[in-house]
C-alpha atoms as a PDB file:
ATOM      1  CA  MET A   1     -60.683  22.004 -31.875  1.00  0.00           C
ATOM      2  CA  SER A   2     -60.198  24.110 -28.740  1.00  0.00           C
ATOM      3  CA  VAL A   3     -58.261  27.364 -28.512  1.00  0.00           C
ATOM      4  CA  THR A   4     -55.792  25.625 -26.224  1.00  0.00           C
ATOM      5  CA  SER A   5     -55.147  22.731 -28.607  1.00  0.00           C
ATOM      6  CA  LEU A   6     -54.349  25.150 -31.417  1.00  0.00           C
ATOM      7  CA  ASN A   7     -51.288  26.209 -29.440  1.00  0.00           C
ATOM      8  CA  GLU A   8     -50.154  22.883 -27.988  1.00  0.00           C
ATOM      9  CA  GLY A   9     -46.427  22.335 -28.178  1.00  0.00           C
ATOM     10  CA  GLN A  10     -45.694  25.983 -28.877  1.00  0.00           C
ATOM     11  CA  GLY A  11     -43.592  28.209 -26.645  1.00  0.00           C
ATOM     12  CA  PRO A  12     -44.825  31.629 -25.525  1.00  0.00           C
ATOM     13  CA  SER A  13     -43.114  33.393 -28.422  1.00  0.00           C
ATOM     14  CA  ALA A  14     -44.828  31.086 -30.935  1.00  0.00           C
ATOM     15  CA  ARG A  15     -48.359  31.157 -29.563  1.00  0.00           C
ATOM     16  CA  SER A  16     -51.185  32.630 -31.566  1.00  0.00           C
ATOM     17  CA  LYS A  17     -52.141  36.295 -31.220  1.00  0.00           C
ATOM     18  CA  VAL A  18     -54.985  36.748 -28.766  1.00  0.00           C
ATOM     19  CA  THR A  19     -57.927  38.695 -30.193  1.00  0.00           C
ATOM     20  CA  VAL A  20     -61.558  39.356 -29.311  1.00  0.00           C
ATOM     21  CA  THR A  21     -62.360  36.147 -31.192  1.00  0.00           C
ATOM     22  CA  THR A  22     -60.029  34.203 -28.902  1.00  0.00           C
ATOM     23  CA  ILE A  23     -61.809  35.542 -25.830  1.00  0.00           C
ATOM     24  CA  SER A  24     -65.218  34.719 -27.303  1.00  0.00           C
ATOM     25  CA  GLN A  25     -64.090  31.178 -28.141  1.00  0.00           C
ATOM     26  CA  LYS A  26     -62.767  30.659 -24.631  1.00  0.00           C
ATOM     27  CA  LYS A  27     -66.137  31.673 -23.203  1.00  0.00           C
ATOM     28  CA  ALA A  28     -67.947  29.263 -25.522  1.00  0.00           C
ATOM     29  CA  GLN A  29     -65.571  26.401 -24.747  1.00  0.00           C
ATOM     30  CA  HIS A  30     -65.474  27.057 -20.991  1.00  0.00           C
ATOM     31  CA  GLU A  31     -61.742  27.799 -21.008  1.00  0.00           C
ATOM     32  CA  ALA A  32     -60.476  30.231 -18.400  1.00  0.00           C
ATOM     33  CA  VAL A  33     -59.391  33.689 -19.559  1.00  0.00           C
ATOM     34  CA  THR A  34     -56.309  35.134 -17.855  1.00  0.00           C
ATOM     35  CA  CYS A  35     -55.607  38.835 -17.493  1.00  0.00           C
ATOM     36  CA  LEU A  36     -52.997  40.869 -15.612  1.00  0.00           C
ATOM     37  CA  THR A  37     -52.091  44.527 -15.547  1.00  0.00           C
ATOM     38  CA  ALA A  38     -48.726  45.785 -16.777  1.00  0.00           C
ATOM     39  CA  TYR A  39     -47.396  49.300 -17.164  1.00  0.00           C
ATOM     40  CA  ASP A  40     -43.896  49.076 -18.653  1.00  0.00           C
ATOM     41  CA  TYR A  41     -41.781  47.135 -21.134  1.00  0.00           C
ATOM     42  CA  ALA A  42     -40.125  44.746 -18.674  1.00  0.00           C
ATOM     43  CA  THR A  43     -43.206  43.572 -16.807  1.00  0.00           C
ATOM     44  CA  ALA A  44     -45.322  43.436 -19.963  1.00  0.00           C
ATOM     45  CA  ARG A  45     -42.727  41.252 -21.640  1.00  0.00           C
ATOM     46  CA  LEU A  46     -42.638  38.846 -18.685  1.00  0.00           C
ATOM     47  CA  VAL A  47     -46.433  38.685 -18.497  1.00  0.00           C
ATOM     48  CA  ASP A  48     -46.724  38.081 -22.227  1.00  0.00           C
ATOM     49  CA  GLU A  49     -44.043  35.383 -22.214  1.00  0.00           C
ATOM     50  CA  ALA A  50     -45.901  33.629 -19.393  1.00  0.00           C
ATOM     51  CA  GLY A  51     -48.845  33.147 -21.751  1.00  0.00           C
ATOM     52  CA  ILE A  52     -51.396  35.532 -20.206  1.00  0.00           C
ATOM     53  CA  ASP A  53     -54.319  36.197 -22.576  1.00  0.00           C
ATOM     54  CA  MET A  54     -54.873  39.898 -21.958  1.00  0.00           C
ATOM     55  CA  ILE A  55     -52.704  42.678 -20.568  1.00  0.00           C
ATOM     56  CA  LEU A  56     -54.628  45.605 -19.124  1.00  0.00           C
ATOM     57  CA  VAL A  57     -52.714  48.867 -18.944  1.00  0.00           C
ATOM     58  CA  GLY A  58     -54.824  49.789 -15.956  1.00  0.00           C
ATOM     59  CA  ASP A  59     -55.425  53.206 -14.480  1.00  0.00           C
ATOM     60  CA  SER A  60     -54.176  51.496 -11.318  1.00  0.00           C
ATOM     61  CA  LEU A  61     -50.769  52.683 -12.531  1.00  0.00           C
ATOM     62  CA  ALA A  62     -51.806  55.908 -10.780  1.00  0.00           C
ATOM     63  CA  GLN A  63     -51.244  54.192  -7.432  1.00  0.00           C
ATOM     64  CA  VAL A  64     -48.739  51.395  -8.005  1.00  0.00           C
ATOM     65  CA  VAL A  65     -46.422  53.228 -10.428  1.00  0.00           C
ATOM     66  CA  LEU A  66     -46.983  56.968  -9.999  1.00  0.00           C
ATOM     67  CA  GLY A  67     -47.771  57.087  -6.290  1.00  0.00           C
ATOM     68  CA  TYR A  68     -51.168  58.795  -6.399  1.00  0.00           C
ATOM     69  CA  GLU A  69     -53.684  57.998  -3.664  1.00  0.00           C
ATOM     70  CA  SER A  70     -56.377  56.863  -6.112  1.00  0.00           C
ATOM     71  CA  THR A  71     -56.861  56.274  -9.827  1.00  0.00           C
ATOM     72  CA  LEU A  72     -58.557  59.643 -10.319  1.00  0.00           C
ATOM     73  CA  PRO A  73     -55.526  61.922 -10.949  1.00  0.00           C
ATOM     74  CA  VAL A  74     -53.895  59.870 -13.726  1.00  0.00           C
ATOM     75  CA  THR A  75     -53.945  61.686 -17.066  1.00  0.00           C
ATOM     76  CA  MET A  76     -54.494  60.617 -20.640  1.00  0.00           C
ATOM     77  CA  GLU A  77     -50.891  61.458 -21.496  1.00  0.00           C
ATOM     78  CA  GLU A  78     -49.599  59.301 -18.649  1.00  0.00           C
ATOM     79  CA  MET A  79     -51.806  56.406 -19.740  1.00  0.00           C
ATOM     80  CA  LEU A  80     -50.629  56.704 -23.347  1.00  0.00           C
ATOM     81  CA  HIS A  81     -46.975  56.843 -22.284  1.00  0.00           C
ATOM     82  CA  HIS A  82     -47.286  53.550 -20.409  1.00  0.00           C
ATOM     83  CA  THR A  83     -49.474  51.904 -23.040  1.00  0.00           C
ATOM     84  CA  ARG A  84     -46.814  52.539 -25.681  1.00  0.00           C
ATOM     85  CA  ALA A  85     -44.183  50.929 -23.451  1.00  0.00           C
ATOM     86  CA  VAL A  86     -46.359  47.851 -22.970  1.00  0.00           C
ATOM     87  CA  ARG A  87     -47.172  47.622 -26.670  1.00  0.00           C
ATOM     88  CA  ARG A  88     -43.456  47.483 -27.548  1.00  0.00           C
ATOM     89  CA  ALA A  89     -43.044  44.428 -25.325  1.00  0.00           C
ATOM     90  CA  VAL A  90     -46.064  42.356 -26.274  1.00  0.00           C
ATOM     91  CA  LYS A  91     -46.226  39.835 -29.094  1.00  0.00           C
ATOM     92  CA  SER A  92     -49.207  37.605 -28.279  1.00  0.00           C
ATOM     93  CA  ALA A  93     -51.398  38.981 -25.498  1.00  0.00           C
ATOM     94  CA  MET A  94     -54.240  41.358 -26.262  1.00  0.00           C
ATOM     95  CA  VAL A  95     -53.421  44.870 -25.006  1.00  0.00           C
ATOM     96  CA  VAL A  96     -56.299  46.795 -23.428  1.00  0.00           C
ATOM     97  CA  GLY A  97     -56.002  50.475 -22.521  1.00  0.00           C
ATOM     98  CA  ASP A  98     -57.904  51.702 -19.471  1.00  0.00           C
ATOM     99  CA  MET A  99     -59.717  54.978 -20.154  1.00  0.00           C
ATOM    100  CA  PRO A 100     -58.797  57.339 -17.275  1.00  0.00           C
ATOM    101  CA  TYR A 101     -61.271  59.337 -15.254  1.00  0.00           C
ATOM    102  CA  GLY A 102     -62.515  62.432 -17.046  1.00  0.00           C
ATOM    103  CA  THR A 103     -61.791  61.247 -20.587  1.00  0.00           C
ATOM    104  CA  TYR A 104     -65.235  59.813 -21.400  1.00  0.00           C
ATOM    105  CA  GLN A 105     -67.747  60.497 -18.598  1.00  0.00           C
ATOM    106  CA  ASP A 106     -68.943  63.907 -19.738  1.00  0.00           C
ATOM    107  CA  ASP A 107     -68.816  63.800 -23.531  1.00  0.00           C
ATOM    108  CA  VAL A 108     -69.341  60.788 -25.784  1.00  0.00           C
ATOM    109  CA  LYS A 109     -67.585  62.489 -28.694  1.00  0.00           C
ATOM    110  CA  ALA A 110     -64.532  63.204 -26.526  1.00  0.00           C
ATOM    111  CA  GLY A 111     -64.650  59.623 -25.261  1.00  0.00           C
ATOM    112  CA  VAL A 112     -64.422  58.279 -28.801  1.00  0.00           C
ATOM    113  CA  ALA A 113     -61.600  60.683 -29.626  1.00  0.00           C
ATOM    114  CA  ASN A 114     -59.626  59.592 -26.559  1.00  0.00           C
ATOM    115  CA  ALA A 115     -60.233  55.914 -27.301  1.00  0.00           C
ATOM    116  CA  LEU A 116     -58.933  56.470 -30.820  1.00  0.00           C
ATOM    117  CA  ARG A 117     -55.754  57.900 -29.285  1.00  0.00           C
ATOM    118  CA  PHE A 118     -55.299  54.699 -27.284  1.00  0.00           C
ATOM    119  CA  VAL A 119     -55.390  52.723 -30.535  1.00  0.00           C
ATOM    120  CA  LYS A 120     -53.504  55.100 -32.842  1.00  0.00           C
ATOM    121  CA  GLU A 121     -50.904  56.476 -30.434  1.00  0.00           C
ATOM    122  CA  GLY A 122     -50.747  53.840 -27.723  1.00  0.00           C
ATOM    123  CA  GLY A 123     -51.093  50.696 -29.805  1.00  0.00           C
ATOM    124  CA  ALA A 124     -53.961  49.329 -27.707  1.00  0.00           C
ATOM    125  CA  GLU A 125     -56.267  46.776 -29.290  1.00  0.00           C
ATOM    126  CA  ALA A 126     -59.242  47.578 -27.065  1.00  0.00           C
ATOM    127  CA  VAL A 127     -60.240  50.011 -24.338  1.00  0.00           C
ATOM    128  CA  LYS A 128     -61.875  49.528 -20.938  1.00  0.00           C
ATOM    129  CA  ILE A 129     -64.547  51.859 -19.578  1.00  0.00           C
ATOM    130  CA  GLU A 130     -66.315  51.845 -16.223  1.00  0.00           C
ATOM    131  CA  GLY A 131     -70.086  51.991 -15.834  1.00  0.00           C
ATOM    132  CA  GLY A 132     -73.162  50.112 -16.970  1.00  0.00           C
ATOM    133  CA  ARG A 133     -76.311  51.275 -18.726  1.00  0.00           C
ATOM    134  CA  LYS A 134     -75.206  54.904 -18.784  1.00  0.00           C
ATOM    135  CA  ARG A 135     -72.303  53.895 -21.056  1.00  0.00           C
ATOM    136  CA  MET A 136     -74.492  52.302 -23.734  1.00  0.00           C
ATOM    137  CA  GLU A 137     -74.184  55.146 -26.235  1.00  0.00           C
ATOM    138  CA  LEU A 138     -70.422  55.349 -25.764  1.00  0.00           C
ATOM    139  CA  VAL A 139     -69.990  51.595 -26.263  1.00  0.00           C
ATOM    140  CA  GLU A 140     -72.017  51.703 -29.461  1.00  0.00           C
ATOM    141  CA  ARG A 141     -70.057  54.681 -30.780  1.00  0.00           C
ATOM    142  CA  LEU A 142     -66.741  52.999 -29.957  1.00  0.00           C
ATOM    143  CA  LEU A 143     -67.786  49.844 -31.768  1.00  0.00           C
ATOM    144  CA  ASP A 144     -68.848  51.978 -34.742  1.00  0.00           C
ATOM    145  CA  ALA A 145     -65.275  53.323 -34.683  1.00  0.00           C
ATOM    146  CA  GLU A 146     -63.976  49.708 -34.805  1.00  0.00           C
ATOM    147  CA  ILE A 147     -62.680  49.788 -31.212  1.00  0.00           C
ATOM    148  CA  PRO A 148     -63.413  46.695 -29.074  1.00  0.00           C
ATOM    149  CA  VAL A 149     -64.667  47.531 -25.582  1.00  0.00           C
ATOM    150  CA  MET A 150     -64.121  45.846 -22.225  1.00  0.00           C
ATOM    151  CA  GLY A 151     -66.877  46.832 -19.826  1.00  0.00           C
ATOM    152  CA  HIS A 152     -66.460  47.218 -16.051  1.00  0.00           C
ATOM    153  CA  ILE A 153     -69.228  47.147 -13.444  1.00  0.00           C
ATOM    154  CA  GLY A 154     -69.556  46.544  -9.719  1.00  0.00           C
ATOM    155  CA  LEU A 155     -66.953  48.318  -7.647  1.00  0.00           C
ATOM    156  CA  THR A 156     -65.787  50.901 -10.150  1.00  0.00           C
ATOM    157  CA  PRO A 157     -62.793  52.792  -8.671  1.00  0.00           C
ATOM    158  CA  GLN A 158     -63.469  55.930 -10.710  1.00  0.00           C
ATOM    159  CA  SER A 159     -66.794  56.175  -8.825  1.00  0.00           C
ATOM    160  CA  LEU A 160     -64.925  56.187  -5.505  1.00  0.00           C
ATOM    161  CA  HIS A 161     -66.541  59.349  -4.168  1.00  0.00           C
ATOM    162  CA  LYS A 162     -70.051  58.482  -5.334  1.00  0.00           C
ATOM    163  CA  MET A 163     -69.853  55.019  -3.721  1.00  0.00           C
ATOM    164  CA  GLY A 164     -68.465  56.390  -0.476  1.00  0.00           C
ATOM    165  CA  GLY A 165     -65.250  54.404  -0.736  1.00  0.00           C
ATOM    166  CA  TYR A 166     -64.189  51.032  -2.081  1.00  0.00           C
ATOM    167  CA  ARG A 167     -67.290  49.033  -1.185  1.00  0.00           C
ATOM    168  CA  VAL A 168     -68.551  45.663  -2.395  1.00  0.00           C
ATOM    169  CA  GLN A 169     -71.526  46.228  -4.705  1.00  0.00           C
ATOM    170  CA  GLY A 170     -74.682  44.155  -5.161  1.00  0.00           C
ATOM    171  CA  LYS A 171     -75.156  43.066  -1.573  1.00  0.00           C
ATOM    172  CA  ASP A 172     -78.927  43.666  -1.491  1.00  0.00           C
ATOM    173  CA  LEU A 173     -81.741  42.845  -3.912  1.00  0.00           C
ATOM    174  CA  SER A 174     -81.890  46.296  -5.484  1.00  0.00           C
ATOM    175  CA  GLY A 175     -78.119  46.293  -5.965  1.00  0.00           C
ATOM    176  CA  ILE A 176     -78.259  42.857  -7.557  1.00  0.00           C
ATOM    177  CA  GLU A 177     -81.029  43.940  -9.920  1.00  0.00           C
ATOM    178  CA  SER A 178     -79.047  47.019 -10.942  1.00  0.00           C
ATOM    179  CA  LEU A 179     -75.913  44.967 -11.660  1.00  0.00           C
ATOM    180  CA  MET A 180     -77.892  42.417 -13.688  1.00  0.00           C
ATOM    181  CA  LYS A 181     -79.420  45.202 -15.785  1.00  0.00           C
ATOM    182  CA  ASP A 182     -76.024  46.833 -16.310  1.00  0.00           C
ATOM    183  CA  ALA A 183     -74.472  43.525 -17.383  1.00  0.00           C
ATOM    184  CA  ALA A 184     -77.325  42.721 -19.771  1.00  0.00           C
ATOM    185  CA  ALA A 185     -77.179  46.184 -21.330  1.00  0.00           C
ATOM    186  CA  LEU A 186     -73.435  46.047 -21.932  1.00  0.00           C
ATOM    187  CA  ASP A 187     -73.763  42.514 -23.301  1.00  0.00           C
ATOM    188  CA  ARG A 188     -76.406  43.665 -25.773  1.00  0.00           C
ATOM    189  CA  ALA A 189     -74.276  46.660 -26.726  1.00  0.00           C
ATOM    190  CA  GLY A 190     -71.467  44.301 -27.741  1.00  0.00           C
ATOM    191  CA  VAL A 191     -68.633  44.514 -25.208  1.00  0.00           C
ATOM    192  CA  PHE A 192     -66.186  41.662 -25.825  1.00  0.00           C
ATOM    193  CA  SER A 193     -65.578  41.156 -22.103  1.00  0.00           C
ATOM    194  CA  LEU A 194     -66.931  42.442 -18.823  1.00  0.00           C
ATOM    195  CA  VAL A 195     -64.938  43.074 -15.654  1.00  0.00           C
ATOM    196  CA  LEU A 196     -66.897  42.294 -12.477  1.00  0.00           C
ATOM    197  CA  GLU A 197     -65.150  43.921  -9.536  1.00  0.00           C
ATOM    198  CA  GLY A 198     -66.039  43.681  -5.869  1.00  0.00           C
ATOM    199  CA  VAL A 199     -69.314  41.798  -6.152  1.00  0.00           C
ATOM    200  CA  PRO A 200     -70.534  38.733  -4.227  1.00  0.00           C
ATOM    201  CA  ARG A 201     -69.620  35.403  -5.775  1.00  0.00           C
ATOM    202  CA  GLU A 202     -73.278  34.433  -6.183  1.00  0.00           C
ATOM    203  CA  VAL A 203     -74.062  37.583  -8.152  1.00  0.00           C
ATOM    204  CA  ALA A 204     -71.006  37.182 -10.403  1.00  0.00           C
ATOM    205  CA  ALA A 205     -72.054  33.599 -11.116  1.00  0.00           C
ATOM    206  CA  MET A 206     -75.555  34.754 -12.090  1.00  0.00           C
ATOM    207  CA  ILE A 207     -74.190  37.406 -14.431  1.00  0.00           C
ATOM    208  CA  THR A 208     -71.734  34.963 -15.990  1.00  0.00           C
ATOM    209  CA  ARG A 209     -74.553  32.532 -16.767  1.00  0.00           C
ATOM    210  CA  GLU A 210     -76.783  35.243 -18.212  1.00  0.00           C
ATOM    211  CA  VAL A 211     -74.424  37.099 -20.559  1.00  0.00           C
ATOM    212  CA  SER A 212     -72.819  35.875 -23.765  1.00  0.00           C
ATOM    213  CA  THR A 213     -69.659  37.923 -23.238  1.00  0.00           C
ATOM    214  CA  ALA A 214     -66.734  36.711 -21.125  1.00  0.00           C
ATOM    215  CA  THR A 215     -66.816  37.902 -17.524  1.00  0.00           C
ATOM    216  CA  ILE A 216     -63.481  38.753 -15.896  1.00  0.00           C
ATOM    217  CA  GLY A 217     -63.536  38.715 -12.125  1.00  0.00           C
ATOM    218  CA  ILE A 218     -61.545  40.717  -9.613  1.00  0.00           C
ATOM    219  CA  GLY A 219     -62.898  40.157  -6.152  1.00  0.00           C
ATOM    220  CA  ALA A 220     -65.906  38.425  -7.699  1.00  0.00           C
ATOM    221  CA  GLY A 221     -65.269  34.763  -6.898  1.00  0.00           C
ATOM    222  CA  PRO A 222     -64.231  31.770  -9.021  1.00  0.00           C
ATOM    223  CA  ASP A 223     -67.321  31.417 -11.211  1.00  0.00           C
ATOM    224  CA  CYS A 224     -66.405  34.121 -13.738  1.00  0.00           C
ATOM    225  CA  ASP A 225     -65.035  33.180 -17.160  1.00  0.00           C
ATOM    226  CA  GLY A 226     -61.644  34.624 -16.244  1.00  0.00           C
ATOM    227  CA  GLN A 227     -59.717  36.556 -13.633  1.00  0.00           C
ATOM    228  CA  VAL A 228     -57.634  39.735 -13.529  1.00  0.00           C
ATOM    229  CA  LEU A 229     -55.296  41.047 -10.853  1.00  0.00           C
ATOM    230  CA  VAL A 230     -52.876  43.939 -10.555  1.00  0.00           C
ATOM    231  CA  PHE A 231     -49.328  42.787 -11.322  1.00  0.00           C
ATOM    232  CA  HIS A 232     -47.833  44.723  -8.426  1.00  0.00           C
ATOM    233  CA  ASP A 233     -50.268  43.065  -6.020  1.00  0.00           C
ATOM    234  CA  ILE A 234     -49.359  39.499  -6.924  1.00  0.00           C
ATOM    235  CA  VAL A 235     -45.600  40.148  -6.576  1.00  0.00           C
ATOM    236  CA  ASN A 236     -45.810  42.361  -3.442  1.00  0.00           C
ATOM    237  CA  LEU A 237     -44.788  45.649  -5.009  1.00  0.00           C
ATOM    238  CA  SER A 238     -47.872  47.665  -4.112  1.00  0.00           C
ATOM    239  CA  PHE A 239     -46.721  48.824  -0.627  1.00  0.00           C
ATOM    240  CA  ALA A 240     -50.229  48.446   0.741  1.00  0.00           C
ATOM    241  CA  ALA A 241     -52.225  45.847   2.635  1.00  0.00           C
ATOM    242  CA  PRO A 242     -53.736  43.517   0.013  1.00  0.00           C
ATOM    243  CA  ALA A 243     -57.469  43.283  -0.557  1.00  0.00           C
ATOM    244  CA  LYS A 244     -59.201  40.068   0.495  1.00  0.00           C
ATOM    245  CA  PHE A 245     -59.178  38.708  -3.055  1.00  0.00           C
ATOM    246  CA  VAL A 246     -55.459  39.277  -3.721  1.00  0.00           C
ATOM    247  CA  ARG A 247     -53.174  36.262  -3.635  1.00  0.00           C
ATOM    248  CA  ARG A 248     -49.424  36.847  -3.396  1.00  0.00           C
ATOM    249  CA  TYR A 249     -47.501  34.686  -5.854  1.00  0.00           C
ATOM    250  CA  GLY A 250     -44.060  36.125  -5.138  1.00  0.00           C
ATOM    251  CA  ASP A 251     -42.174  38.686  -3.082  1.00  0.00           C
ATOM    252  CA  ALA A 252     -40.387  40.982  -5.504  1.00  0.00           C
ATOM    253  CA  ALA A 253     -40.107  43.648  -2.806  1.00  0.00           C
ATOM    254  CA  ALA A 254     -37.948  41.383  -0.623  1.00  0.00           C
ATOM    255  CA  LEU A 255     -35.810  40.330  -3.599  1.00  0.00           C
ATOM    256  CA  ILE A 256     -35.219  43.924  -4.750  1.00  0.00           C
ATOM    257  CA  ARG A 257     -34.602  45.232  -1.240  1.00  0.00           C
ATOM    258  CA  SER A 258     -32.016  42.502  -0.600  1.00  0.00           C
ATOM    259  CA  ALA A 259     -30.252  43.165  -3.904  1.00  0.00           C
ATOM    260  CA  VAL A 260     -30.075  46.919  -3.292  1.00  0.00           C
ATOM    261  CA  GLN A 261     -28.805  46.495   0.250  1.00  0.00           C
ATOM    262  CA  GLN A 262     -26.120  44.068  -0.920  1.00  0.00           C
ATOM    263  CA  PHE A 263     -25.036  46.512  -3.641  1.00  0.00           C
ATOM    264  CA  LYS A 264     -24.695  49.278  -1.034  1.00  0.00           C
ATOM    265  CA  THR A 265     -22.640  47.006   1.222  1.00  0.00           C
ATOM    266  CA  ASP A 266     -20.337  45.894  -1.599  1.00  0.00           C
ATOM    267  CA  VAL A 267     -19.678  49.449  -2.798  1.00  0.00           C
ATOM    268  CA  GLU A 268     -18.981  50.750   0.698  1.00  0.00           C
ATOM    269  CA  SER A 269     -16.637  47.837   1.492  1.00  0.00           C
ATOM    270  CA  GLY A 270     -14.769  48.072  -1.806  1.00  0.00           C
ATOM    271  CA  GLY A 271     -16.068  44.691  -2.905  1.00  0.00           C
ATOM    272  CA  TYR A 272     -17.689  46.062  -6.041  1.00  0.00           C
ATOM    273  CA  PRO A 273     -16.568  46.275  -8.733  1.00  0.00           C
ATOM    274  CA  SER A 274     -13.899  43.586  -8.778  1.00  0.00           C
ATOM    275  CA  ASP A 275     -11.004  43.431 -11.209  1.00  0.00           C
ATOM    276  CA  ALA A 276     -12.927  40.821 -13.205  1.00  0.00           C
ATOM    277  CA  GLU A 277     -15.841  43.280 -13.515  1.00  0.00           C
ATOM    278  CA  SER A 278     -13.572  46.045 -14.856  1.00  0.00           C
ATOM    279  CA  TYR A 279     -12.411  46.821 -18.392  1.00  0.00           C
ATOM    280  CA  HIS A 280      -8.653  46.774 -19.126  1.00  0.00           C
ATOM    281  CA  LEU A 281      -6.390  48.413 -21.663  1.00  0.00           C
ATOM    282  CA  PRO A 282      -4.985  46.273 -24.462  1.00  0.00           C
ATOM    283  CA  LYS A 283      -1.499  44.992 -23.633  1.00  0.00           C
ATOM    284  CA  GLU A 284       0.204  47.230 -26.222  1.00  0.00           C
ATOM    285  CA  THR A 285      -1.590  50.392 -25.033  1.00  0.00           C
ATOM    286  CA  ARG A 286      -0.828  49.553 -21.419  1.00  0.00           C
ATOM    287  CA  GLU A 287       2.889  49.140 -22.180  1.00  0.00           C
ATOM    288  CA  ASP A 288       2.959  52.435 -24.119  1.00  0.00           C
ATOM    289  CA  LEU A 289       1.194  54.224 -21.272  1.00  0.00           C
ATOM    290  CA  GLN A 290       3.566  52.773 -18.701  1.00  0.00           C
ATOM    291  CA  ALA A 291       6.545  53.985 -20.764  1.00  0.00           C
ATOM    292  CA  ILE A 292       5.089  57.494 -20.958  1.00  0.00           C
ATOM    293  CA  LEU A 293       4.439  57.586 -17.226  1.00  0.00           C
ATOM    294  CA  LYS A 294       7.928  56.306 -16.476  1.00  0.00           C
ATOM    295  CA  ARG A 295       9.509  59.058 -18.619  1.00  0.00           C
ATOM    296  CA  LYS A 296       7.347  61.626 -16.838  1.00  0.00           C
ATOM    297  CA  GLU A 297       8.502  60.363 -13.450  1.00  0.00           C
ATOM    298  CA  MET A 298      12.142  60.530 -14.526  1.00  0.00           C
ATOM    299  CA  LYS A 299      11.702  64.101 -15.746  1.00  0.00           C
ATOM    300  CA  LEU A 300      10.171  65.148 -12.454  1.00  0.00           C
ATOM    301  CA  ALA A 301      12.984  63.492 -10.509  1.00  0.00           C
ATOM    302  CA  ARG A 302      15.684  65.643 -12.173  1.00  0.00           C
END
């Protein structure tokens, strides 16, 4: 029986809880894995109710929510704050916390401690870390601490300065070999999924065939086991030109802008609020108040 058939006929609120086992089964049964980012209660609830498998509380919140120029400045406390908000909204999707820059690169022990905070304080069910073979020890230590790990290789935004910008990775033979080795190492270490970002379709397809873990593409073509995008990108709330791989599925910016402009117009014209949108005194209180005001007027007239 497939993972999908287990949930046939059930609404979003009744669907089974997504776990690492679910993701593994989907890989084995060639069923697509869906993943989106979310950073607050409202969007996380909508994403979860739509039936998305995994919600990544991505460090991309640095740019699309907090207004930073890159993911690098976002702090652990900011990530935990938003992860808690997402956790309160989600019933079925698997919640993955994105380890921010500086919380695991320098010290494996600190990396484990910060990952534990994501689980204990944020309510995350897994964490995501960037990097390949150099993260092997950290992955193993996290798994020893009972924390599932989502790997991330290719264009890794936290390596922005080292890569010389946001550049597609694995475009030559040495780059391909390095990516294949990174993917194999993380697969052996036991990551439950592996994000492939900004790599040629052909390379992503090779990695997907070679590893036993589910590959999640973002700018990596259609041959991965699943796909992830930034929520704000697909609904046009990112205020930036979209990357080549981003598909717009809605225009929330236009909807919100129109609503706000109409509110401003209605307030300035006196059209909002109407009498029907106002609260009124009970009849008895209104009559008593009118009597008091009338007596006051009569007293002033003397």
